[in-house]
């Protein structure tokens, strides 16, 4: 049985968990929610890079991504930031859905899984 490691845990959740050769990241949101969809997405993706590194992997090893946006009309802005960041040779399986998120100024949330 593989060891389970938890990263950045608090009373509610762990921001990342590794088990075997997979890293699971919690839904990540931007800290600066005064910005638009593109900017919030770029901030989230930078946070994902740091969390993947701490978990012993990187974006080239992404397996899947789930993205929640508050307004599908703004999805092209999220897609623009995603395309600039993603490893185009190693794209994950991805879903994007419209949802009401935790606060009115949270425009996007992203959760990923990656192989180690």
PDB file of N, CA and C in Angstrom:
ATOM      1  N   UNK A   1       0.844  -1.186   0.000  1.00  0.00           N
ATOM      2  CA  UNK A   1       0.000   0.000   0.000  1.00  0.00           C
ATOM      3  C   UNK A   1       0.885   1.243   0.000  1.00  0.00           C
ATOM      4  N   UNK A   2       0.549   2.192  -0.834  1.00  0.00           N
ATOM      5  CA  UNK A   2       1.325   3.420  -0.946  1.00  0.00           C
ATOM      6  C   UNK A   2       1.021   4.363   0.199  1.00  0.00           C
ATOM      7  N   UNK A   3       2.017   5.137   0.544  1.00  0.00           N
ATOM      8  CA  UNK A   3       1.809   6.155   1.564  1.00  0.00           C
ATOM      9  C   UNK A   3       0.959   7.292   1.020  1.00  0.00           C
ATOM     10  N   UNK A   4       0.131   7.836   1.875  1.00  0.00           N
ATOM     11  CA  UNK A   4      -0.658   9.021   1.545  1.00  0.00           C
ATOM     12  C   UNK A   4       0.023  10.203   2.215  1.00  0.00           C
ATOM     13  N   UNK A   5       0.287  11.253   1.435  1.00  0.00           N
ATOM     14  CA  UNK A   5       0.877  12.484   1.977  1.00  0.00           C
ATOM     15  C   UNK A   5      -0.092  13.621   1.721  1.00  0.00           C
ATOM     16  N   UNK A   6      -0.241  14.474   2.735  1.00  0.00           N
ATOM     17  CA  UNK A   6      -1.152  15.612   2.643  1.00  0.00           C
ATOM     18  C   UNK A   6      -0.350  16.910   2.770  1.00  0.00           C
ATOM     19  N   UNK A   7      -0.725  17.903   1.973  1.00  0.00           N
ATOM     20  CA  UNK A   7      -0.005  19.165   1.924  1.00  0.00           C
ATOM     21  C   UNK A   7      -0.952  20.317   2.242  1.00  0.00           C
ATOM     22  N   UNK A   8      -0.458  21.289   2.997  1.00  0.00           N
ATOM     23  CA  UNK A   8      -1.219  22.508   3.308  1.00  0.00           C
ATOM     24  C   UNK A   8      -2.619  22.195   3.824  1.00  0.00           C
ATOM     25  N   UNK A   9      -2.680  21.399   4.877  1.00  0.00           N
ATOM     26  CA  UNK A   9      -3.962  21.010   5.459  1.00  0.00           C
ATOM     27  C   UNK A   9      -4.414  22.014   6.507  1.00  0.00           C
ATOM     28  N   UNK A  10      -5.720  22.167   6.616  1.00  0.00           N
ATOM     29  CA  UNK A  10      -6.304  22.946   7.698  1.00  0.00           C
ATOM     30  C   UNK A  10      -7.489  22.152   8.246  1.00  0.00           C
ATOM     31  N   UNK A  11      -8.396  22.797   8.947  1.00  0.00           N
ATOM     32  CA  UNK A  11      -9.524  22.082   9.553  1.00  0.00           C
ATOM     33  C   UNK A  11     -10.546  21.581   8.532  1.00  0.00           C
ATOM     34  N   UNK A  12     -10.485  22.121   7.304  1.00  0.00           N
ATOM     35  CA  UNK A  12     -11.467  21.738   6.287  1.00  0.00           C
ATOM     36  C   UNK A  12     -10.937  20.776   5.242  1.00  0.00           C
ATOM     37  N   UNK A  13      -9.669  20.933   4.838  1.00  0.00           N
ATOM     38  CA  UNK A  13      -9.181  20.183   3.688  1.00  0.00           C
ATOM     39  C   UNK A  13      -7.663  20.212   3.604  1.00  0.00           C
ATOM     40  N   UNK A  14      -7.155  19.395   2.718  1.00  0.00           N
ATOM     41  CA  UNK A  14      -5.752  19.449   2.318  1.00  0.00           C
ATOM     42  C   UNK A  14      -5.724  20.055   0.916  1.00  0.00           C
ATOM     43  N   UNK A  15      -4.838  20.981   0.676  1.00  0.00           N
ATOM     44  CA  UNK A  15      -4.750  21.613  -0.641  1.00  0.00           C
ATOM     45  C   UNK A  15      -4.235  20.639  -1.693  1.00  0.00           C
ATOM     46  N   UNK A  16      -3.449  19.652  -1.265  1.00  0.00           N
ATOM     47  CA  UNK A  16      -2.963  18.610  -2.171  1.00  0.00           C
ATOM     48  C   UNK A  16      -2.796  17.325  -1.380  1.00  0.00           C
ATOM     49  N   UNK A  17      -3.002  16.206  -2.060  1.00  0.00           N
ATOM     50  CA  UNK A  17      -2.806  14.880  -1.480  1.00  0.00           C
ATOM     51  C   UNK A  17      -2.108  14.033  -2.540  1.00  0.00           C
ATOM     52  N   UNK A  18      -1.087  13.300  -2.125  1.00  0.00           N
ATOM     53  CA  UNK A  18      -0.484  12.339  -3.035  1.00  0.00           C
ATOM     54  C   UNK A  18      -0.735  10.940  -2.510  1.00  0.00           C
ATOM     55  N   UNK A  19      -0.971  10.048  -3.431  1.00  0.00           N
ATOM     56  CA  UNK A  19      -1.172   8.633  -3.108  1.00  0.00           C
ATOM     57  C   UNK A  19      -0.593   7.842  -4.272  1.00  0.00           C
ATOM     58  N   UNK A  20       0.349   6.979  -3.967  1.00  0.00           N
ATOM     59  CA  UNK A  20       1.003   6.258  -5.047  1.00  0.00           C
ATOM     60  C   UNK A  20       1.689   7.243  -5.975  1.00  0.00           C
ATOM     61  N   UNK A  21       1.387   7.148  -7.235  1.00  0.00           N
ATOM     62  CA  UNK A  21       2.016   8.019  -8.225  1.00  0.00           C
ATOM     63  C   UNK A  21       1.079   9.099  -8.748  1.00  0.00           C
ATOM     64  N   UNK A  22       0.097   9.495  -7.932  1.00  0.00           N
ATOM     65  CA  UNK A  22      -0.848  10.522  -8.355  1.00  0.00           C
ATOM     66  C   UNK A  22      -0.931  11.629  -7.304  1.00  0.00           C
ATOM     67  N   UNK A  23      -0.952  12.862  -7.790  1.00  0.00           N
ATOM     68  CA  UNK A  23      -1.170  14.038  -6.938  1.00  0.00           C
ATOM     69  C   UNK A  23      -2.560  14.588  -7.243  1.00  0.00           C
ATOM     70  N   UNK A  24      -3.324  14.821  -6.186  1.00  0.00           N
ATOM     71  CA  UNK A  24      -4.683  15.350  -6.292  1.00  0.00           C
ATOM     72  C   UNK A  24      -4.679  16.746  -5.670  1.00  0.00           C
ATOM     73  N   UNK A  25      -5.043  17.752  -6.437  1.00  0.00           N
ATOM     74  CA  UNK A  25      -5.124  19.107  -5.906  1.00  0.00           C
ATOM     75  C   UNK A  25      -6.573  19.479  -5.672  1.00  0.00           C
ATOM     76  N   UNK A  26      -6.813  20.171  -4.576  1.00  0.00           N
ATOM     77  CA  UNK A  26      -8.148  20.678  -4.268  1.00  0.00           C
ATOM     78  C   UNK A  26      -8.505  21.773  -5.268  1.00  0.00           C
ATOM     79  N   UNK A  27      -9.755  22.182  -5.261  1.00  0.00           N
ATOM     80  CA  UNK A  27     -10.151  23.315  -6.088  1.00  0.00           C
ATOM     81  C   UNK A  27      -9.407  24.559  -5.644  1.00  0.00           C
ATOM     82  N   UNK A  28      -8.738  25.210  -6.589  1.00  0.00           N
ATOM     83  CA  UNK A  28      -7.903  26.376  -6.300  1.00  0.00           C
ATOM     84  C   UNK A  28      -8.581  27.620  -6.860  1.00  0.00           C
ATOM     85  N   UNK A  29      -8.612  28.673  -6.045  1.00  0.00           N
ATOM     86  CA  UNK A  29      -9.158  29.959  -6.471  1.00  0.00           C
ATOM     87  C   UNK A  29      -8.086  31.029  -6.321  1.00  0.00           C
ATOM     88  N   UNK A  30      -8.325  32.171  -6.920  1.00  0.00           N
ATOM     89  CA  UNK A  30      -7.388  33.294  -6.845  1.00  0.00           C
ATOM     90  C   UNK A  30      -7.491  33.985  -5.486  1.00  0.00           C
ATOM     91  N   UNK A  31      -6.379  34.502  -5.022  1.00  0.00           N
ATOM     92  CA  UNK A  31      -6.381  35.314  -3.805  1.00  0.00           C
ATOM     93  C   UNK A  31      -6.870  36.730  -4.119  1.00  0.00           C
ATOM     94  N   UNK A  32      -6.436  37.265  -5.280  1.00  0.00           N
ATOM     95  CA  UNK A  32      -6.846  38.612  -5.693  1.00  0.00           C
ATOM     96  C   UNK A  32      -8.088  38.482  -6.576  1.00  0.00           C
ATOM     97  N   UNK A  33      -9.238  38.596  -5.940  1.00  0.00           N
ATOM     98  CA  UNK A  33     -10.485  38.430  -6.671  1.00  0.00           C
ATOM     99  C   UNK A  33     -11.039  39.763  -7.185  1.00  0.00           C
ATOM    100  N   UNK A  34     -10.203  40.796  -7.165  1.00  0.00           N
ATOM    101  CA  UNK A  34     -10.620  42.067  -7.758  1.00  0.00           C
ATOM    102  C   UNK A  34     -10.362  42.067  -9.265  1.00  0.00           C
ATOM    103  N   UNK A  35      -9.679  41.067  -9.760  1.00  0.00           N
ATOM    104  CA  UNK A  35      -9.307  40.965 -11.175  1.00  0.00           C
ATOM    105  C   UNK A  35     -10.366  40.214 -11.969  1.00  0.00           C
ATOM    106  N   UNK A  36     -10.206  40.229 -13.296  1.00  0.00           N
ATOM    107  CA  UNK A  36     -11.138  39.552 -14.189  1.00  0.00           C
ATOM    108  C   UNK A  36     -10.811  38.067 -14.345  1.00  0.00           C
ATOM    109  N   UNK A  37     -11.586  37.406 -15.185  1.00  0.00           N
ATOM    110  CA  UNK A  37     -11.468  35.967 -15.402  1.00  0.00           C
ATOM    111  C   UNK A  37     -10.059  35.564 -15.854  1.00  0.00           C
ATOM    112  N   UNK A  38      -9.492  36.241 -16.823  1.00  0.00           N
ATOM    113  CA  UNK A  38      -8.161  35.903 -17.342  1.00  0.00           C
ATOM    114  C   UNK A  38      -7.105  36.021 -16.238  1.00  0.00           C
ATOM    115  N   UNK A  39      -7.153  37.114 -15.494  1.00  0.00           N
ATOM    116  CA  UNK A  39      -6.155  37.345 -14.450  1.00  0.00           C
ATOM    117  C   UNK A  39      -6.316  36.367 -13.284  1.00  0.00           C
ATOM    118  N   UNK A  40      -7.556  36.098 -12.889  1.00  0.00           N
ATOM    119  CA  UNK A  40      -7.766  35.112 -11.822  1.00  0.00           C
ATOM    120  C   UNK A  40      -7.261  33.738 -12.268  1.00  0.00           C
ATOM    121  N   UNK A  41      -7.536  33.378 -13.513  1.00  0.00           N
ATOM    122  CA  UNK A  41      -7.062  32.089 -14.027  1.00  0.00           C
ATOM    123  C   UNK A  41      -5.547  32.019 -14.010  1.00  0.00           C
ATOM    124  N   UNK A  42      -4.877  33.058 -14.465  1.00  0.00           N
ATOM    125  CA  UNK A  42      -3.413  33.071 -14.479  1.00  0.00           C
ATOM    126  C   UNK A  42      -2.852  32.920 -13.068  1.00  0.00           C
ATOM    127  N   UNK A  43      -3.457  33.594 -12.087  1.00  0.00           N
ATOM    128  CA  UNK A  43      -3.004  33.456 -10.705  1.00  0.00           C
ATOM    129  C   UNK A  43      -3.201  32.024 -10.208  1.00  0.00           C
ATOM    130  N   UNK A  44      -4.340  31.447 -10.506  1.00  0.00           N
ATOM    131  CA  UNK A  44      -4.620  30.067 -10.087  1.00  0.00           C
ATOM    132  C   UNK A  44      -3.600  29.118 -10.704  1.00  0.00           C
ATOM    133  N   UNK A  45      -3.306  29.280 -11.964  1.00  0.00           N
ATOM    134  CA  UNK A  45      -2.370  28.386 -12.642  1.00  0.00           C
ATOM    135  C   UNK A  45      -0.965  28.497 -12.051  1.00  0.00           C
ATOM    136  N   UNK A  46      -0.564  29.690 -11.652  1.00  0.00           N
ATOM    137  CA  UNK A  46       0.728  29.851 -10.968  1.00  0.00           C
ATOM    138  C   UNK A  46       0.714  29.117  -9.629  1.00  0.00           C
ATOM    139  N   UNK A  47      -0.405  29.195  -8.915  1.00  0.00           N
ATOM    140  CA  UNK A  47      -0.529  28.462  -7.655  1.00  0.00           C
ATOM    141  C   UNK A  47      -0.485  26.955  -7.897  1.00  0.00           C
ATOM    142  N   UNK A  48      -1.122  26.502  -8.967  1.00  0.00           N
ATOM    143  CA  UNK A  48      -1.095  25.082  -9.308  1.00  0.00           C
ATOM    144  C   UNK A  48       0.334  24.632  -9.601  1.00  0.00           C
ATOM    145  N   UNK A  49       1.090  25.443 -10.336  1.00  0.00           N
ATOM    146  CA  UNK A  49       2.501  25.108 -10.600  1.00  0.00           C
ATOM    147  C   UNK A  49       3.252  24.866  -9.298  1.00  0.00           C
ATOM    148  N   UNK A  50       3.091  25.768  -8.338  1.00  0.00           N
ATOM    149  CA  UNK A  50       3.803  25.657  -7.054  1.00  0.00           C
ATOM    150  C   UNK A  50       3.340  24.422  -6.280  1.00  0.00           C
ATOM    151  N   UNK A  51       2.051  24.148  -6.289  1.00  0.00           N
ATOM    152  CA  UNK A  51       1.537  22.994  -5.557  1.00  0.00           C
ATOM    153  C   UNK A  51       1.976  21.685  -6.207  1.00  0.00           C
ATOM    154  N   UNK A  52       1.983  21.640  -7.526  1.00  0.00           N
ATOM    155  CA  UNK A  52       2.457  20.440  -8.216  1.00  0.00           C
ATOM    156  C   UNK A  52       3.933  20.194  -7.908  1.00  0.00           C
ATOM    157  N   UNK A  53       4.721  21.253  -7.903  1.00  0.00           N
ATOM    158  CA  UNK A  53       6.143  21.114  -7.581  1.00  0.00           C
ATOM    159  C   UNK A  53       6.322  20.550  -6.173  1.00  0.00           C
ATOM    160  N   UNK A  54       5.576  21.074  -5.213  1.00  0.00           N
ATOM    161  CA  UNK A  54       5.667  20.584  -3.832  1.00  0.00           C
ATOM    162  C   UNK A  54       5.274  19.116  -3.735  1.00  0.00           C
ATOM    163  N   UNK A  55       4.373  18.682  -4.625  1.00  0.00           N
ATOM    164  CA  UNK A  55       3.910  17.301  -4.627  1.00  0.00           C
ATOM    165  C   UNK A  55       4.810  16.385  -5.465  1.00  0.00           C
ATOM    166  N   UNK A  56       5.848  16.949  -6.087  1.00  0.00           N
ATOM    167  CA  UNK A  56       6.798  16.147  -6.838  1.00  0.00           C
ATOM    168  C   UNK A  56       6.426  15.893  -8.284  1.00  0.00           C
ATOM    169  N   UNK A  57       5.691  16.832  -8.880  1.00  0.00           N
ATOM    170  CA  UNK A  57       5.302  16.666 -10.277  1.00  0.00           C
ATOM    171  C   UNK A  57       5.210  18.035 -10.951  1.00  0.00           C
ATOM    172  N   UNK A  58       4.649  18.090 -12.150  1.00  0.00           N
ATOM    173  CA  UNK A  58       4.502  19.366 -12.850  1.00  0.00           C
ATOM    174  C   UNK A  58       3.374  19.271 -13.871  1.00  0.00           C
ATOM    175  N   UNK A  59       3.089  20.386 -14.526  1.00  0.00           N
ATOM    176  CA  UNK A  59       1.947  20.460 -15.431  1.00  0.00           C
ATOM    177  C   UNK A  59       2.064  19.541 -16.640  1.00  0.00           C
ATOM    178  N   UNK A  60       3.257  19.105 -16.997  1.00  0.00           N
ATOM    179  CA  UNK A  60       3.405  18.173 -18.118  1.00  0.00           C
ATOM    180  C   UNK A  60       2.864  16.791 -17.767  1.00  0.00           C
ATOM    181  N   UNK A  61       2.588  16.559 -16.484  1.00  0.00           N
ATOM    182  CA  UNK A  61       2.114  15.263 -16.011  1.00  0.00           C
ATOM    183  C   UNK A  61       0.622  15.285 -15.632  1.00  0.00           C
ATOM    184  N   UNK A  62      -0.069  16.381 -15.989  1.00  0.00           N
ATOM    185  CA  UNK A  62      -1.492  16.480 -15.664  1.00  0.00           C
ATOM    186  C   UNK A  62      -2.272  15.342 -16.310  1.00  0.00           C
ATOM    187  N   UNK A  63      -3.171  14.771 -15.536  1.00  0.00           N
ATOM    188  CA  UNK A  63      -4.064  13.728 -16.023  1.00  0.00           C
ATOM    189  C   UNK A  63      -5.439  14.300 -16.346  1.00  0.00           C
ATOM    190  N   UNK A  64      -5.949  15.134 -15.439  1.00  0.00           N
ATOM    191  CA  UNK A  64      -7.282  15.698 -15.627  1.00  0.00           C
ATOM    192  C   UNK A  64      -7.379  17.055 -14.956  1.00  0.00           C
ATOM    193  N   UNK A  65      -8.339  17.825 -15.434  1.00  0.00           N
ATOM    194  CA  UNK A  65      -8.630  19.140 -14.850  1.00  0.00           C
ATOM    195  C   UNK A  65     -10.132  19.362 -14.905  1.00  0.00           C
ATOM    196  N   UNK A  66     -10.662  19.917 -13.833  1.00  0.00           N
ATOM    197  CA  UNK A  66     -12.051  20.356 -13.802  1.00  0.00           C
ATOM    198  C   UNK A  66     -12.016  21.849 -13.504  1.00  0.00           C
ATOM    199  N   UNK A  67     -12.699  22.605 -14.337  1.00  0.00           N
ATOM    200  CA  UNK A  67     -12.705  24.060 -14.213  1.00  0.00           C
ATOM    201  C   UNK A  67     -14.146  24.523 -14.060  1.00  0.00           C
ATOM    202  N   UNK A  68     -14.371  25.325 -13.045  1.00  0.00           N
ATOM    203  CA  UNK A  68     -15.683  25.934 -12.836  1.00  0.00           C
ATOM    204  C   UNK A  68     -15.556  27.425 -13.119  1.00  0.00           C
ATOM    205  N   UNK A  69     -16.448  27.961 -13.914  1.00  0.00           N
ATOM    206  CA  UNK A  69     -16.495  29.398 -14.185  1.00  0.00           C
ATOM    207  C   UNK A  69     -17.888  29.902 -13.837  1.00  0.00           C
ATOM    208  N   UNK A  70     -17.960  31.149 -13.436  1.00  0.00           N
ATOM    209  CA  UNK A  70     -19.259  31.702 -13.048  1.00  0.00           C
ATOM    210  C   UNK A  70     -20.072  32.181 -14.236  1.00  0.00           C
ATOM    211  N   UNK A  71     -19.421  32.374 -15.383  1.00  0.00           N
ATOM    212  CA  UNK A  71     -20.125  32.897 -16.549  1.00  0.00           C
ATOM    213  C   UNK A  71     -19.466  32.337 -17.811  1.00  0.00           C
ATOM    214  N   UNK A  72     -20.170  31.484 -18.522  1.00  0.00           N
ATOM    215  CA  UNK A  72     -19.612  30.877 -19.735  1.00  0.00           C
ATOM    216  C   UNK A  72     -19.283  31.914 -20.808  1.00  0.00           C
ATOM    217  N   UNK A  73     -19.900  33.079 -20.728  1.00  0.00           N
ATOM    218  CA  UNK A  73     -19.561  34.124 -21.698  1.00  0.00           C
ATOM    219  C   UNK A  73     -18.129  34.602 -21.513  1.00  0.00           C
ATOM    220  N   UNK A  74     -17.568  34.428 -20.314  1.00  0.00           N
ATOM    221  CA  UNK A  74     -16.179  34.824 -20.036  1.00  0.00           C
ATOM    222  C   UNK A  74     -15.205  33.654 -20.205  1.00  0.00           C
ATOM    223  N   UNK A  75     -15.702  32.470 -20.563  1.00  0.00           N
ATOM    224  CA  UNK A  75     -14.845  31.296 -20.728  1.00  0.00           C
ATOM    225  C   UNK A  75     -13.682  31.539 -21.693  1.00  0.00           C
ATOM    226  N   UNK A  76     -13.855  32.266 -22.799  1.00  0.00           N
ATOM    227  CA  UNK A  76     -12.703  32.508 -23.681  1.00  0.00           C
ATOM    228  C   UNK A  76     -11.523  33.183 -22.967  1.00  0.00           C
ATOM    229  N   UNK A  77     -11.799  34.027 -21.977  1.00  0.00           N
ATOM    230  CA  UNK A  77     -10.720  34.647 -21.204  1.00  0.00           C
ATOM    231  C   UNK A  77      -9.979  33.599 -20.385  1.00  0.00           C
ATOM    232  N   UNK A  78     -10.724  32.679 -19.770  1.00  0.00           N
ATOM    233  CA  UNK A  78     -10.096  31.595 -19.019  1.00  0.00           C
ATOM    234  C   UNK A  78      -9.287  30.721 -19.970  1.00  0.00           C
ATOM    235  N   UNK A  79      -9.885  30.382 -21.125  1.00  0.00           N
ATOM    236  CA  UNK A  79      -9.196  29.543 -22.104  1.00  0.00           C
ATOM    237  C   UNK A  79      -7.898  30.180 -22.595  1.00  0.00           C
ATOM    238  N   UNK A  80      -7.889  31.491 -22.734  1.00  0.00           N
ATOM    239  CA  UNK A  80      -6.677  32.189 -23.178  1.00  0.00           C
ATOM    240  C   UNK A  80      -5.550  32.016 -22.158  1.00  0.00           C
ATOM    241  N   UNK A  81      -5.859  32.202 -20.888  1.00  0.00           N
ATOM    242  CA  UNK A  81      -4.843  32.023 -19.841  1.00  0.00           C
ATOM    243  C   UNK A  81      -4.417  30.560 -19.772  1.00  0.00           C
ATOM    244  N   UNK A  82      -5.373  29.646 -19.888  1.00  0.00           N
ATOM    245  CA  UNK A  82      -5.058  28.209 -19.855  1.00  0.00           C
ATOM    246  C   UNK A  82      -4.116  27.841 -21.003  1.00  0.00           C
ATOM    247  N   UNK A  83      -4.446  28.285 -22.220  1.00  0.00           N
ATOM    248  CA  UNK A  83      -3.633  27.941 -23.389  1.00  0.00           C
ATOM    249  C   UNK A  83      -2.205  28.481 -23.269  1.00  0.00           C
ATOM    250  N   UNK A  84      -2.049  29.660 -22.680  1.00  0.00           N
ATOM    251  CA  UNK A  84      -0.712  30.231 -22.492  1.00  0.00           C
ATOM    252  C   UNK A  84       0.095  29.440 -21.467  1.00  0.00           C
ATOM    253  N   UNK A  85      -0.571  28.785 -20.554  1.00  0.00           N
ATOM    254  CA  UNK A  85       0.086  28.062 -19.463  1.00  0.00           C
ATOM    255  C   UNK A  85       0.290  26.583 -19.759  1.00  0.00           C
ATOM    256  N   UNK A  86      -0.687  25.938 -20.340  1.00  0.00           N
ATOM    257  CA  UNK A  86      -0.695  24.479 -20.477  1.00  0.00           C
ATOM    258  C   UNK A  86       0.442  23.975 -21.357  1.00  0.00           C
ATOM    259  N   UNK A  87       0.914  22.765 -21.045  1.00  0.00           N
ATOM    260  CA  UNK A  87       1.895  22.076 -21.873  1.00  0.00           C
ATOM    261  C   UNK A  87       1.128  21.508 -23.068  1.00  0.00           C
ATOM    262  N   UNK A  88       1.268  22.137 -24.210  1.00  0.00           N
ATOM    263  CA  UNK A  88       0.466  21.779 -25.382  1.00  0.00           C
ATOM    264  C   UNK A  88       0.745  20.360 -25.892  1.00  0.00           C
ATOM    265  N   UNK A  89       1.871  19.788 -25.511  1.00  0.00           N
ATOM    266  CA  UNK A  89       2.191  18.412 -25.905  1.00  0.00           C
ATOM    267  C   UNK A  89       1.621  17.384 -24.933  1.00  0.00           C
ATOM    268  N   UNK A  90       1.134  17.844 -23.787  1.00  0.00           N
ATOM    269  CA  UNK A  90       0.660  16.937 -22.739  1.00  0.00           C
ATOM    270  C   UNK A  90      -0.607  17.475 -22.089  1.00  0.00           C
ATOM    271  N   UNK A  91      -1.622  17.704 -22.885  1.00  0.00           N
ATOM    272  CA  UNK A  91      -2.861  18.266 -22.361  1.00  0.00           C
ATOM    273  C   UNK A  91      -3.650  17.208 -21.589  1.00  0.00           C
ATOM    274  N   UNK A  92      -4.257  17.596 -20.461  1.00  0.00           N
ATOM    275  CA  UNK A  92      -5.050  16.649 -19.676  1.00  0.00           C
ATOM    276  C   UNK A  92      -6.463  16.501 -20.242  1.00  0.00           C
ATOM    277  N   UNK A  93      -7.151  15.483 -19.767  1.00  0.00           N
ATOM    278  CA  UNK A  93      -8.596  15.437 -19.967  1.00  0.00           C
ATOM    279  C   UNK A  93      -9.153  16.623 -19.173  1.00  0.00           C
ATOM    280  N   UNK A  94     -10.130  17.329 -19.743  1.00  0.00           N
ATOM    281  CA  UNK A  94     -10.575  18.561 -19.091  1.00  0.00           C
ATOM    282  C   UNK A  94     -12.073  18.745 -19.234  1.00  0.00           C
ATOM    283  N   UNK A  95     -12.669  19.264 -18.183  1.00  0.00           N
ATOM    284  CA  UNK A  95     -14.084  19.645 -18.219  1.00  0.00           C
ATOM    285  C   UNK A  95     -14.185  21.076 -17.720  1.00  0.00           C
ATOM    286  N   UNK A  96     -15.146  21.811 -18.254  1.00  0.00           N
ATOM    287  CA  UNK A  96     -15.407  23.173 -17.791  1.00  0.00           C
ATOM    288  C   UNK A  96     -16.912  23.338 -17.681  1.00  0.00           C
ATOM    289  N   UNK A  97     -17.346  23.763 -16.508  1.00  0.00           N
ATOM    290  CA  UNK A  97     -18.777  23.941 -16.264  1.00  0.00           C
ATOM    291  C   UNK A  97     -19.038  25.301 -15.626  1.00  0.00           C
ATOM    292  N   UNK A  98     -20.239  25.790 -15.839  1.00  0.00           N
ATOM    293  CA  UNK A  98     -20.659  27.039 -15.205  1.00  0.00           C
ATOM    294  C   UNK A  98     -21.257  26.714 -13.845  1.00  0.00           C
ATOM    295  N   UNK A  99     -20.866  27.486 -12.833  1.00  0.00           N
ATOM    296  CA  UNK A  99     -21.356  27.247 -11.476  1.00  0.00           C
ATOM    297  C   UNK A  99     -21.293  28.529 -10.665  1.00  0.00           C
ATOM    298  N   UNK A 100     -22.094  28.573  -9.626  1.00  0.00           N
ATOM    299  CA  UNK A 100     -21.980  29.648  -8.645  1.00  0.00           C
ATOM    300  C   UNK A 100     -20.917  29.203  -7.658  1.00  0.00           C
ATOM    301  N   UNK A 101     -19.894  30.019  -7.454  1.00  0.00           N
ATOM    302  CA  UNK A 101     -18.764  29.646  -6.611  1.00  0.00           C
ATOM    303  C   UNK A 101     -18.903  30.248  -5.216  1.00  0.00           C
ATOM    304  N   UNK A 102     -17.905  30.022  -4.358  1.00  0.00           N
ATOM    305  CA  UNK A 102     -17.986  30.345  -2.938  1.00  0.00           C
ATOM    306  C   UNK A 102     -18.265  31.791  -2.585  1.00  0.00           C
ATOM    307  N   UNK A 103     -17.761  32.719  -3.374  1.00  0.00           N
ATOM    308  CA  UNK A 103     -18.024  34.140  -3.131  1.00  0.00           C
ATOM    309  C   UNK A 103     -18.370  34.794  -4.469  1.00  0.00           C
ATOM    310  N   UNK A 104     -19.115  35.885  -4.455  1.00  0.00           N
ATOM    311  CA  UNK A 104     -19.527  36.516  -5.713  1.00  0.00           C
ATOM    312  C   UNK A 104     -18.362  37.003  -6.577  1.00  0.00           C
ATOM    313  N   UNK A 105     -17.215  37.298  -5.953  1.00  0.00           N
ATOM    314  CA  UNK A 105     -16.086  37.792  -6.728  1.00  0.00           C
ATOM    315  C   UNK A 105     -15.118  36.693  -7.170  1.00  0.00           C
ATOM    316  N   UNK A 106     -15.401  35.441  -6.820  1.00  0.00           N
ATOM    317  CA  UNK A 106     -14.624  34.310  -7.311  1.00  0.00           C
ATOM    318  C   UNK A 106     -15.198  33.939  -8.674  1.00  0.00           C
ATOM    319  N   UNK A 107     -14.401  34.109  -9.725  1.00  0.00           N
ATOM    320  CA  UNK A 107     -14.883  33.898 -11.088  1.00  0.00           C
ATOM    321  C   UNK A 107     -14.521  32.538 -11.655  1.00  0.00           C
ATOM    322  N   UNK A 108     -13.496  31.905 -11.080  1.00  0.00           N
ATOM    323  CA  UNK A 108     -13.019  30.634 -11.616  1.00  0.00           C
ATOM    324  C   UNK A 108     -12.400  29.803 -10.497  1.00  0.00           C
ATOM    325  N   UNK A 109     -12.543  28.493 -10.586  1.00  0.00           N
ATOM    326  CA  UNK A 109     -11.923  27.553  -9.659  1.00  0.00           C
ATOM    327  C   UNK A 109     -11.436  26.370 -10.491  1.00  0.00           C
ATOM    328  N   UNK A 110     -10.236  25.887 -10.184  1.00  0.00           N
ATOM    329  CA  UNK A 110      -9.646  24.793 -10.953  1.00  0.00           C
ATOM    330  C   UNK A 110      -9.142  23.706 -10.022  1.00  0.00           C
ATOM    331  N   UNK A 111      -9.439  22.469 -10.383  1.00  0.00           N
ATOM    332  CA  UNK A 111      -8.959  21.291  -9.638  1.00  0.00           C
ATOM    333  C   UNK A 111      -8.271  20.376 -10.643  1.00  0.00           C
ATOM    334  N   UNK A 112      -7.070  19.884 -10.290  1.00  0.00           N
ATOM    335  CA  UNK A 112      -6.332  19.009 -11.195  1.00  0.00           C
ATOM    336  C   UNK A 112      -5.827  17.765 -10.484  1.00  0.00           C
ATOM    337  N   UNK A 113      -5.524  16.768 -11.287  1.00  0.00           N
ATOM    338  CA  UNK A 113      -4.826  15.561 -10.848  1.00  0.00           C
ATOM    339  C   UNK A 113      -3.640  15.375 -11.779  1.00  0.00           C
ATOM    340  N   UNK A 114      -2.522  14.918 -11.214  1.00  0.00           N
ATOM    341  CA  UNK A 114      -1.313  14.730 -12.033  1.00  0.00           C
ATOM    342  C   UNK A 114      -0.584  13.469 -11.608  1.00  0.00           C
ATOM    343  N   UNK A 115       0.031  12.815 -12.573  1.00  0.00           N
ATOM    344  CA  UNK A 115       0.909  11.693 -12.290  1.00  0.00           C
ATOM    345  C   UNK A 115       2.209  12.241 -11.730  1.00  0.00           C
ATOM    346  N   UNK A 116       2.839  11.429 -10.887  1.00  0.00           N
ATOM    347  CA  UNK A 116       4.148  11.834 -10.345  1.00  0.00           C
ATOM    348  C   UNK A 116       5.249  11.250 -11.187  1.00  0.00           C
TER     349      UNK A 116
END
